[in-house]
Amino acid sequence: MEIRRYQQADCQAVAELFYKTVHTVNAGDYTKAQLAVWATGEPDLKQWDQSLQSHFSVVALENDNLIGFGDIDQAGYLDRLFVHADYQRRGVATAICHQLEQAVAGRVITHASITARPFFESRGYQVIREQQVARQGVLLTNFVMEKEQSSVD
């Protein structure tokens, strides 16, 4: 597995991985209606690219296939962390998350899905609060979580 910085040419594959991951990995914790508004399948690729370029963003590759990605902003908000359904529980999310956490000093905050909560708890994140996020009138549950870090290694 190789982890490298996100490049504009990755955007389409990242968006496709996001959609497929939400609709497979998260399907056990969310309804079809929730999945449909979370990942519509019609991403604004320009907006995604701008967001990923403005953050510290990385992709994980295996044999030149994109198998995961994640990003964090300068303030320590870990925005996205997604791993292909076929590569779950193989250390991909751990490797990506480590890279993201190393990019910032101090506190890291994320809004973790029900599915991702145990992963973040295993990395030392604490739940600050549960919240309901409305998308197109549909409520999605997630958890505001944070981790205090001593310094950038």
N, C-alpha and C. Protein backbone atom coordinates (compact mmCIF):
# COMPACT_ATOMS: atom_id res chain seq x y z
N MET A 1 0.85 -1.19 0.00
CA MET A 1 0.00 0.00 0.00
C MET A 1 0.89 1.24 0.00
N GLU A 2 0.49 2.20 -0.82
CA GLU A 2 1.19 3.48 -0.89
C GLU A 2 0.23 4.58 -0.47
N ILE A 3 0.72 5.49 0.35
CA ILE A 3 -0.08 6.67 0.70
C ILE A 3 0.67 7.89 0.16
N ARG A 4 -0.06 8.72 -0.58
CA ARG A 4 0.54 9.92 -1.14
C ARG A 4 -0.46 11.06 -1.07
N ARG A 5 0.03 12.27 -1.32
CA ARG A 5 -0.83 13.44 -1.33
C ARG A 5 -1.86 13.34 -2.45
N TYR A 6 -3.03 13.84 -2.19
CA TYR A 6 -4.11 13.92 -3.17
C TYR A 6 -3.67 14.79 -4.34
N GLN A 7 -4.08 14.39 -5.54
CA GLN A 7 -3.86 15.17 -6.77
C GLN A 7 -5.19 15.35 -7.47
N GLN A 8 -5.31 16.44 -8.24
CA GLN A 8 -6.56 16.73 -8.94
C GLN A 8 -7.04 15.54 -9.77
N ALA A 9 -6.12 14.81 -10.36
CA ALA A 9 -6.49 13.65 -11.19
C ALA A 9 -7.17 12.54 -10.39
N ASP A 10 -7.09 12.59 -9.05
CA ASP A 10 -7.71 11.59 -8.19
C ASP A 10 -9.19 11.86 -7.93
N CYS A 11 -9.66 13.04 -8.27
CA CYS A 11 -10.98 13.50 -7.81
C CYS A 11 -12.11 12.55 -8.19
N GLN A 12 -12.19 12.14 -9.43
CA GLN A 12 -13.28 11.25 -9.87
C GLN A 12 -13.25 9.94 -9.08
N ALA A 13 -12.07 9.34 -8.94
CA ALA A 13 -11.96 8.07 -8.21
C ALA A 13 -12.30 8.25 -6.74
N VAL A 14 -11.92 9.37 -6.15
CA VAL A 14 -12.25 9.66 -4.75
C VAL A 14 -13.77 9.76 -4.59
N ALA A 15 -14.42 10.49 -5.48
CA ALA A 15 -15.87 10.65 -5.39
C ALA A 15 -16.60 9.32 -5.57
N GLU A 16 -16.11 8.49 -6.48
CA GLU A 16 -16.72 7.18 -6.67
C GLU A 16 -16.52 6.28 -5.46
N LEU A 17 -15.32 6.31 -4.88
CA LEU A 17 -15.05 5.52 -3.68
C LEU A 17 -15.95 5.97 -2.53
N PHE A 18 -16.11 7.28 -2.38
CA PHE A 18 -16.99 7.82 -1.34
C PHE A 18 -18.40 7.25 -1.49
N TYR A 19 -18.95 7.35 -2.69
CA TYR A 19 -20.31 6.88 -2.94
C TYR A 19 -20.44 5.38 -2.64
N LYS A 20 -19.55 4.59 -3.19
CA LYS A 20 -19.63 3.14 -3.00
C LYS A 20 -19.43 2.74 -1.54
N THR A 21 -18.53 3.41 -0.86
CA THR A 21 -18.27 3.08 0.55
C THR A 21 -19.49 3.40 1.41
N VAL A 22 -20.05 4.58 1.23
CA VAL A 22 -21.23 4.95 2.01
C VAL A 22 -22.35 3.93 1.78
N HIS A 23 -22.57 3.54 0.54
CA HIS A 23 -23.68 2.67 0.21
C HIS A 23 -23.42 1.18 0.51
N THR A 24 -22.22 0.83 0.90
CA THR A 24 -21.94 -0.56 1.30
C THR A 24 -21.55 -0.62 2.77
N VAL A 25 -20.46 0.01 3.14
CA VAL A 25 -19.94 -0.08 4.51
C VAL A 25 -20.90 0.52 5.53
N ASN A 26 -21.52 1.65 5.20
CA ASN A 26 -22.40 2.32 6.15
C ASN A 26 -23.84 1.82 6.10
N ALA A 27 -24.14 0.91 5.18
CA ALA A 27 -25.51 0.44 4.99
C ALA A 27 -26.07 -0.30 6.22
N GLY A 28 -25.22 -0.84 7.05
CA GLY A 28 -25.69 -1.53 8.24
C GLY A 28 -26.15 -0.61 9.35
N ASP A 29 -25.77 0.67 9.27
CA ASP A 29 -26.07 1.62 10.34
C ASP A 29 -27.03 2.73 9.94
N TYR A 30 -27.32 2.84 8.65
CA TYR A 30 -28.17 3.91 8.15
C TYR A 30 -29.21 3.33 7.18
N THR A 31 -30.36 4.00 7.07
CA THR A 31 -31.42 3.55 6.17
C THR A 31 -31.06 3.91 4.72
N LYS A 32 -31.79 3.31 3.79
CA LYS A 32 -31.57 3.63 2.36
C LYS A 32 -31.81 5.10 2.10
N ALA A 33 -32.81 5.68 2.75
CA ALA A 33 -33.10 7.11 2.56
C ALA A 33 -31.94 7.97 3.08
N GLN A 34 -31.37 7.58 4.21
CA GLN A 34 -30.23 8.32 4.76
C GLN A 34 -29.01 8.20 3.84
N LEU A 35 -28.75 7.00 3.35
CA LEU A 35 -27.62 6.80 2.45
C LEU A 35 -27.80 7.61 1.16
N ALA A 36 -29.01 7.67 0.67
CA ALA A 36 -29.29 8.39 -0.59
C ALA A 36 -29.02 9.88 -0.49
N VAL A 37 -29.29 10.48 0.68
CA VAL A 37 -29.02 11.92 0.82
C VAL A 37 -27.57 12.19 1.26
N TRP A 38 -26.94 11.22 1.88
CA TRP A 38 -25.54 11.36 2.30
C TRP A 38 -24.63 11.30 1.07
N ALA A 39 -24.85 10.33 0.22
CA ALA A 39 -24.04 10.15 -0.99
C ALA A 39 -25.00 9.99 -2.16
N THR A 40 -25.24 11.09 -2.86
CA THR A 40 -26.26 11.12 -3.90
C THR A 40 -25.82 10.47 -5.21
N GLY A 41 -24.52 10.36 -5.41
CA GLY A 41 -24.03 9.83 -6.68
C GLY A 41 -23.86 10.91 -7.73
N GLU A 42 -24.14 12.16 -7.36
CA GLU A 42 -23.99 13.29 -8.27
C GLU A 42 -23.14 14.37 -7.61
N PRO A 43 -21.87 14.05 -7.35
CA PRO A 43 -21.02 15.02 -6.65
C PRO A 43 -20.63 16.19 -7.55
N ASP A 44 -20.41 17.33 -6.94
CA ASP A 44 -19.86 18.49 -7.64
C ASP A 44 -18.33 18.31 -7.59
N LEU A 45 -17.78 17.75 -8.65
CA LEU A 45 -16.35 17.41 -8.65
C LEU A 45 -15.46 18.64 -8.48
N LYS A 46 -15.87 19.77 -9.00
CA LYS A 46 -15.07 20.99 -8.83
C LYS A 46 -15.01 21.37 -7.36
N GLN A 47 -16.16 21.29 -6.68
CA GLN A 47 -16.22 21.61 -5.26
C GLN A 47 -15.40 20.61 -4.43
N TRP A 48 -15.52 19.33 -4.77
CA TRP A 48 -14.75 18.30 -4.06
C TRP A 48 -13.25 18.57 -4.23
N ASP A 49 -12.83 18.83 -5.47
CA ASP A 49 -11.42 19.07 -5.73
C ASP A 49 -10.91 20.29 -4.97
N GLN A 50 -11.67 21.37 -4.99
CA GLN A 50 -11.26 22.58 -4.27
C GLN A 50 -11.12 22.30 -2.77
N SER A 51 -12.07 21.58 -2.22
CA SER A 51 -12.03 21.24 -0.80
C SER A 51 -10.80 20.37 -0.48
N LEU A 52 -10.59 19.33 -1.28
CA LEU A 52 -9.46 18.44 -1.03
C LEU A 52 -8.12 19.14 -1.24
N GLN A 53 -8.06 20.05 -2.20
CA GLN A 53 -6.81 20.79 -2.44
C GLN A 53 -6.53 21.80 -1.32
N SER A 54 -7.59 22.32 -0.70
CA SER A 54 -7.39 23.32 0.36
C SER A 54 -7.04 22.68 1.70
N HIS A 55 -7.23 21.38 1.82
CA HIS A 55 -6.89 20.64 3.04
C HIS A 55 -5.62 19.82 2.81
N PHE A 56 -5.10 19.25 3.89
CA PHE A 56 -4.06 18.24 3.75
C PHE A 56 -4.81 16.95 3.45
N SER A 57 -4.69 16.49 2.22
CA SER A 57 -5.47 15.34 1.75
C SER A 57 -4.53 14.27 1.21
N VAL A 58 -4.84 13.02 1.55
CA VAL A 58 -4.03 11.89 1.08
C VAL A 58 -4.93 10.82 0.50
N VAL A 59 -4.32 10.01 -0.38
CA VAL A 59 -5.01 8.85 -0.93
C VAL A 59 -4.15 7.62 -0.66
N ALA A 60 -4.82 6.49 -0.51
CA ALA A 60 -4.14 5.20 -0.36
C ALA A 60 -4.34 4.42 -1.64
N LEU A 61 -3.26 3.85 -2.14
CA LEU A 61 -3.29 3.10 -3.38
C LEU A 61 -2.73 1.71 -3.17
N GLU A 62 -3.30 0.76 -3.87
CA GLU A 62 -2.73 -0.57 -3.94
C GLU A 62 -2.77 -0.99 -5.40
N ASN A 63 -1.59 -1.29 -5.94
CA ASN A 63 -1.48 -1.62 -7.36
C ASN A 63 -2.14 -0.55 -8.23
N ASP A 64 -1.87 0.71 -7.91
CA ASP A 64 -2.40 1.87 -8.64
C ASP A 64 -3.91 2.04 -8.54
N ASN A 65 -4.58 1.26 -7.70
CA ASN A 65 -6.02 1.42 -7.47
C ASN A 65 -6.24 2.20 -6.19
N LEU A 66 -7.12 3.20 -6.26
CA LEU A 66 -7.42 3.99 -5.08
C LEU A 66 -8.27 3.15 -4.13
N ILE A 67 -7.80 2.97 -2.90
CA ILE A 67 -8.51 2.13 -1.93
C ILE A 67 -8.95 2.91 -0.69
N GLY A 68 -8.55 4.19 -0.60
CA GLY A 68 -8.96 5.01 0.52
C GLY A 68 -8.49 6.43 0.36
N PHE A 69 -9.09 7.33 1.15
CA PHE A 69 -8.66 8.73 1.14
C PHE A 69 -9.09 9.39 2.43
N GLY A 70 -8.48 10.50 2.72
CA GLY A 70 -8.86 11.28 3.89
C GLY A 70 -8.31 12.68 3.79
N ASP A 71 -8.89 13.59 4.58
CA ASP A 71 -8.40 14.97 4.58
C ASP A 71 -8.63 15.62 5.94
N ILE A 72 -7.80 16.62 6.21
CA ILE A 72 -7.88 17.39 7.45
C ILE A 72 -7.52 18.83 7.13
N ASP A 73 -8.18 19.77 7.79
CA ASP A 73 -7.85 21.17 7.53
C ASP A 73 -6.81 21.67 8.54
N GLN A 74 -6.36 22.89 8.37
CA GLN A 74 -5.30 23.43 9.22
C GLN A 74 -5.72 23.59 10.67
N ALA A 75 -7.02 23.72 10.91
CA ALA A 75 -7.52 23.87 12.28
C ALA A 75 -7.66 22.53 13.00
N GLY A 76 -7.41 21.42 12.28
CA GLY A 76 -7.50 20.11 12.91
C GLY A 76 -8.83 19.42 12.74
N TYR A 77 -9.66 19.89 11.79
CA TYR A 77 -10.93 19.22 11.52
C TYR A 77 -10.70 18.12 10.49
N LEU A 78 -10.81 16.87 10.93
CA LEU A 78 -10.66 15.71 10.06
C LEU A 78 -12.01 15.54 9.36
N ASP A 79 -12.06 15.96 8.10
CA ASP A 79 -13.32 16.05 7.38
C ASP A 79 -13.79 14.69 6.85
N ARG A 80 -12.94 14.02 6.09
CA ARG A 80 -13.34 12.76 5.45
C ARG A 80 -12.28 11.70 5.68
N LEU A 81 -12.75 10.47 5.86
CA LEU A 81 -11.88 9.29 5.95
C LEU A 81 -12.71 8.11 5.48
N PHE A 82 -12.41 7.63 4.28
CA PHE A 82 -13.19 6.55 3.68
C PHE A 82 -12.26 5.52 3.07
N VAL A 83 -12.63 4.25 3.27
CA VAL A 83 -11.84 3.12 2.75
C VAL A 83 -12.78 2.20 1.98
N HIS A 84 -12.33 1.76 0.82
CA HIS A 84 -13.09 0.86 -0.04
C HIS A 84 -13.58 -0.34 0.76
N ALA A 85 -14.80 -0.78 0.46
CA ALA A 85 -15.41 -1.90 1.19
C ALA A 85 -14.54 -3.15 1.21
N ASP A 86 -13.82 -3.42 0.13
CA ASP A 86 -12.98 -4.62 0.04
C ASP A 86 -11.69 -4.52 0.85
N TYR A 87 -11.41 -3.34 1.41
CA TYR A 87 -10.15 -3.13 2.14
C TYR A 87 -10.39 -2.75 3.60
N GLN A 88 -11.58 -3.00 4.10
CA GLN A 88 -11.89 -2.73 5.50
C GLN A 88 -11.07 -3.66 6.40
N ARG A 89 -10.68 -3.14 7.57
CA ARG A 89 -9.96 -3.91 8.60
C ARG A 89 -8.63 -4.47 8.11
N ARG A 90 -7.97 -3.70 7.25
CA ARG A 90 -6.65 -4.09 6.77
C ARG A 90 -5.59 -3.04 7.07
N GLY A 91 -5.92 -2.08 7.91
CA GLY A 91 -4.96 -1.06 8.31
C GLY A 91 -4.94 0.17 7.41
N VAL A 92 -5.80 0.22 6.42
CA VAL A 92 -5.81 1.36 5.50
C VAL A 92 -6.25 2.63 6.22
N ALA A 93 -7.37 2.57 6.92
CA ALA A 93 -7.87 3.75 7.64
C ALA A 93 -6.87 4.19 8.70
N THR A 94 -6.25 3.23 9.37
CA THR A 94 -5.25 3.55 10.39
C THR A 94 -4.08 4.31 9.78
N ALA A 95 -3.59 3.84 8.64
CA ALA A 95 -2.46 4.50 7.98
C ALA A 95 -2.83 5.90 7.51
N ILE A 96 -4.01 6.04 6.92
CA ILE A 96 -4.45 7.35 6.46
C ILE A 96 -4.63 8.30 7.65
N CYS A 97 -5.32 7.83 8.67
CA CYS A 97 -5.59 8.65 9.85
C CYS A 97 -4.30 9.11 10.51
N HIS A 98 -3.32 8.23 10.59
CA HIS A 98 -2.03 8.59 11.17
C HIS A 98 -1.39 9.75 10.39
N GLN A 99 -1.43 9.65 9.07
CA GLN A 99 -0.87 10.73 8.24
C GLN A 99 -1.60 12.05 8.50
N LEU A 100 -2.92 11.98 8.57
CA LEU A 100 -3.71 13.20 8.79
C LEU A 100 -3.41 13.80 10.16
N GLU A 101 -3.38 12.97 11.19
CA GLU A 101 -3.12 13.47 12.54
C GLU A 101 -1.73 14.09 12.65
N GLN A 102 -0.78 13.55 11.93
CA GLN A 102 0.59 14.08 11.99
C GLN A 102 0.71 15.45 11.31
N ALA A 103 -0.29 15.81 10.52
CA ALA A 103 -0.23 17.07 9.78
C ALA A 103 -0.60 18.28 10.62
N VAL A 104 -1.16 18.06 11.81
CA VAL A 104 -1.60 19.16 12.66
C VAL A 104 -1.11 18.95 14.09
N ALA A 105 -1.00 20.05 14.82
CA ALA A 105 -0.65 19.98 16.24
C ALA A 105 -1.91 20.23 17.05
N GLY A 106 -1.95 19.68 18.25
CA GLY A 106 -3.07 19.94 19.14
C GLY A 106 -4.27 19.06 18.86
N ARG A 107 -5.43 19.64 19.03
CA ARG A 107 -6.69 18.91 18.99
C ARG A 107 -7.12 18.59 17.56
N VAL A 108 -7.61 17.35 17.38
CA VAL A 108 -8.23 16.92 16.13
C VAL A 108 -9.70 16.66 16.42
N ILE A 109 -10.57 17.18 15.57
CA ILE A 109 -12.01 17.00 15.71
C ILE A 109 -12.53 16.34 14.44
N THR A 110 -13.50 15.45 14.60
CA THR A 110 -14.16 14.85 13.46
C THR A 110 -15.63 14.66 13.77
N HIS A 111 -16.42 14.51 12.74
CA HIS A 111 -17.83 14.16 12.88
C HIS A 111 -17.95 12.74 12.35
N ALA A 112 -17.88 11.78 13.27
CA ALA A 112 -17.81 10.36 12.91
C ALA A 112 -19.20 9.77 12.73
N SER A 113 -19.33 8.96 11.71
CA SER A 113 -20.57 8.22 11.50
C SER A 113 -20.74 7.17 12.60
N ILE A 114 -21.93 6.61 12.69
CA ILE A 114 -22.17 5.50 13.61
C ILE A 114 -21.16 4.39 13.31
N THR A 115 -20.95 4.13 12.03
CA THR A 115 -20.04 3.08 11.59
C THR A 115 -18.60 3.35 12.01
N ALA A 116 -18.17 4.61 11.90
CA ALA A 116 -16.77 4.96 12.15
C ALA A 116 -16.46 5.21 13.63
N ARG A 117 -17.47 5.41 14.43
CA ARG A 117 -17.23 5.74 15.85
C ARG A 117 -16.27 4.77 16.55
N PRO A 118 -16.48 3.45 16.45
CA PRO A 118 -15.55 2.54 17.14
C PRO A 118 -14.09 2.68 16.67
N PHE A 119 -13.90 2.94 15.37
CA PHE A 119 -12.54 3.14 14.85
C PHE A 119 -11.89 4.33 15.54
N PHE A 120 -12.60 5.45 15.58
CA PHE A 120 -12.02 6.65 16.19
C PHE A 120 -11.83 6.47 17.70
N GLU A 121 -12.75 5.79 18.36
CA GLU A 121 -12.57 5.51 19.80
C GLU A 121 -11.30 4.69 20.02
N SER A 122 -11.03 3.74 19.14
CA SER A 122 -9.82 2.91 19.30
C SER A 122 -8.55 3.71 19.12
N ARG A 123 -8.65 4.89 18.50
CA ARG A 123 -7.50 5.77 18.30
C ARG A 123 -7.41 6.86 19.37
N GLY A 124 -8.25 6.77 20.39
CA GLY A 124 -8.18 7.72 21.49
C GLY A 124 -9.10 8.92 21.37
N TYR A 125 -10.01 8.92 20.42
CA TYR A 125 -10.98 10.00 20.30
C TYR A 125 -12.07 9.81 21.33
N GLN A 126 -12.58 10.93 21.84
CA GLN A 126 -13.67 10.92 22.80
C GLN A 126 -14.91 11.55 22.16
N VAL A 127 -16.08 10.98 22.46
CA VAL A 127 -17.33 11.56 21.97
C VAL A 127 -17.62 12.82 22.78
N ILE A 128 -17.80 13.93 22.08
CA ILE A 128 -18.20 15.19 22.71
C ILE A 128 -19.72 15.25 22.78
N ARG A 129 -20.36 14.88 21.65
CA ARG A 129 -21.83 14.84 21.63
C ARG A 129 -22.31 14.08 20.40
N GLU A 130 -23.50 13.53 20.53
CA GLU A 130 -24.20 12.96 19.39
C GLU A 130 -24.99 14.09 18.75
N GLN A 131 -25.10 14.06 17.43
CA GLN A 131 -25.88 15.10 16.77
C GLN A 131 -26.68 14.52 15.61
N GLN A 132 -27.69 15.24 15.23
CA GLN A 132 -28.52 14.91 14.08
C GLN A 132 -28.27 15.97 13.02
N VAL A 133 -27.85 15.54 11.84
CA VAL A 133 -27.58 16.44 10.73
C VAL A 133 -28.68 16.24 9.70
N ALA A 134 -29.31 17.33 9.28
CA ALA A 134 -30.40 17.24 8.29
C ALA A 134 -29.83 17.43 6.89
N ARG A 135 -30.17 16.50 6.02
CA ARG A 135 -29.83 16.62 4.59
C ARG A 135 -31.10 16.35 3.81
N GLN A 136 -31.53 17.36 3.06
CA GLN A 136 -32.75 17.24 2.26
C GLN A 136 -33.92 16.74 3.11
N GLY A 137 -34.00 17.20 4.34
CA GLY A 137 -35.09 16.84 5.23
C GLY A 137 -34.95 15.49 5.91
N VAL A 138 -33.85 14.80 5.66
CA VAL A 138 -33.60 13.49 6.27
C VAL A 138 -32.53 13.67 7.35
N LEU A 139 -32.77 13.11 8.54
CA LEU A 139 -31.82 13.24 9.65
C LEU A 139 -30.81 12.09 9.63
N LEU A 140 -29.53 12.46 9.81
CA LEU A 140 -28.44 11.49 9.92
C LEU A 140 -27.78 11.68 11.28
N THR A 141 -27.55 10.59 11.99
CA THR A 141 -26.86 10.65 13.27
C THR A 141 -25.37 10.54 13.05
N ASN A 142 -24.61 11.42 13.72
CA ASN A 142 -23.17 11.25 13.79
C ASN A 142 -22.68 11.75 15.15
N PHE A 143 -21.38 11.68 15.36
CA PHE A 143 -20.81 12.01 16.66
C PHE A 143 -19.66 12.99 16.49
N VAL A 144 -19.75 14.10 17.20
CA VAL A 144 -18.63 15.02 17.25
C VAL A 144 -17.63 14.39 18.21
N MET A 145 -16.43 14.13 17.70
CA MET A 145 -15.39 13.47 18.50
C MET A 145 -14.12 14.29 18.43
N GLU A 146 -13.32 14.19 19.50
CA GLU A 146 -12.04 14.90 19.49
C GLU A 146 -10.95 14.07 20.13
N LYS A 147 -9.73 14.43 19.74
CA LYS A 147 -8.54 13.80 20.28
C LYS A 147 -7.52 14.89 20.54
N GLU A 148 -6.99 14.90 21.73
CA GLU A 148 -5.92 15.86 22.06
C GLU A 148 -4.58 15.22 21.73
N GLN A 149 -3.76 15.95 21.01
CA GLN A 149 -2.42 15.49 20.67
C GLN A 149 -1.42 16.42 21.32
N SER A 150 -0.30 15.89 21.74
CA SER A 150 0.70 16.74 22.40
C SER A 150 1.45 17.61 21.41
N SER A 151 1.81 17.05 20.24
CA SER A 151 2.54 17.82 19.25
C SER A 151 2.59 17.06 17.95
N VAL A 152 3.02 17.76 16.90
CA VAL A 152 3.22 17.08 15.62
C VAL A 152 4.53 16.33 15.71
N ASP A 153 4.49 15.04 15.38
CA ASP A 153 5.71 14.21 15.44
C ASP A 153 6.57 14.44 14.22
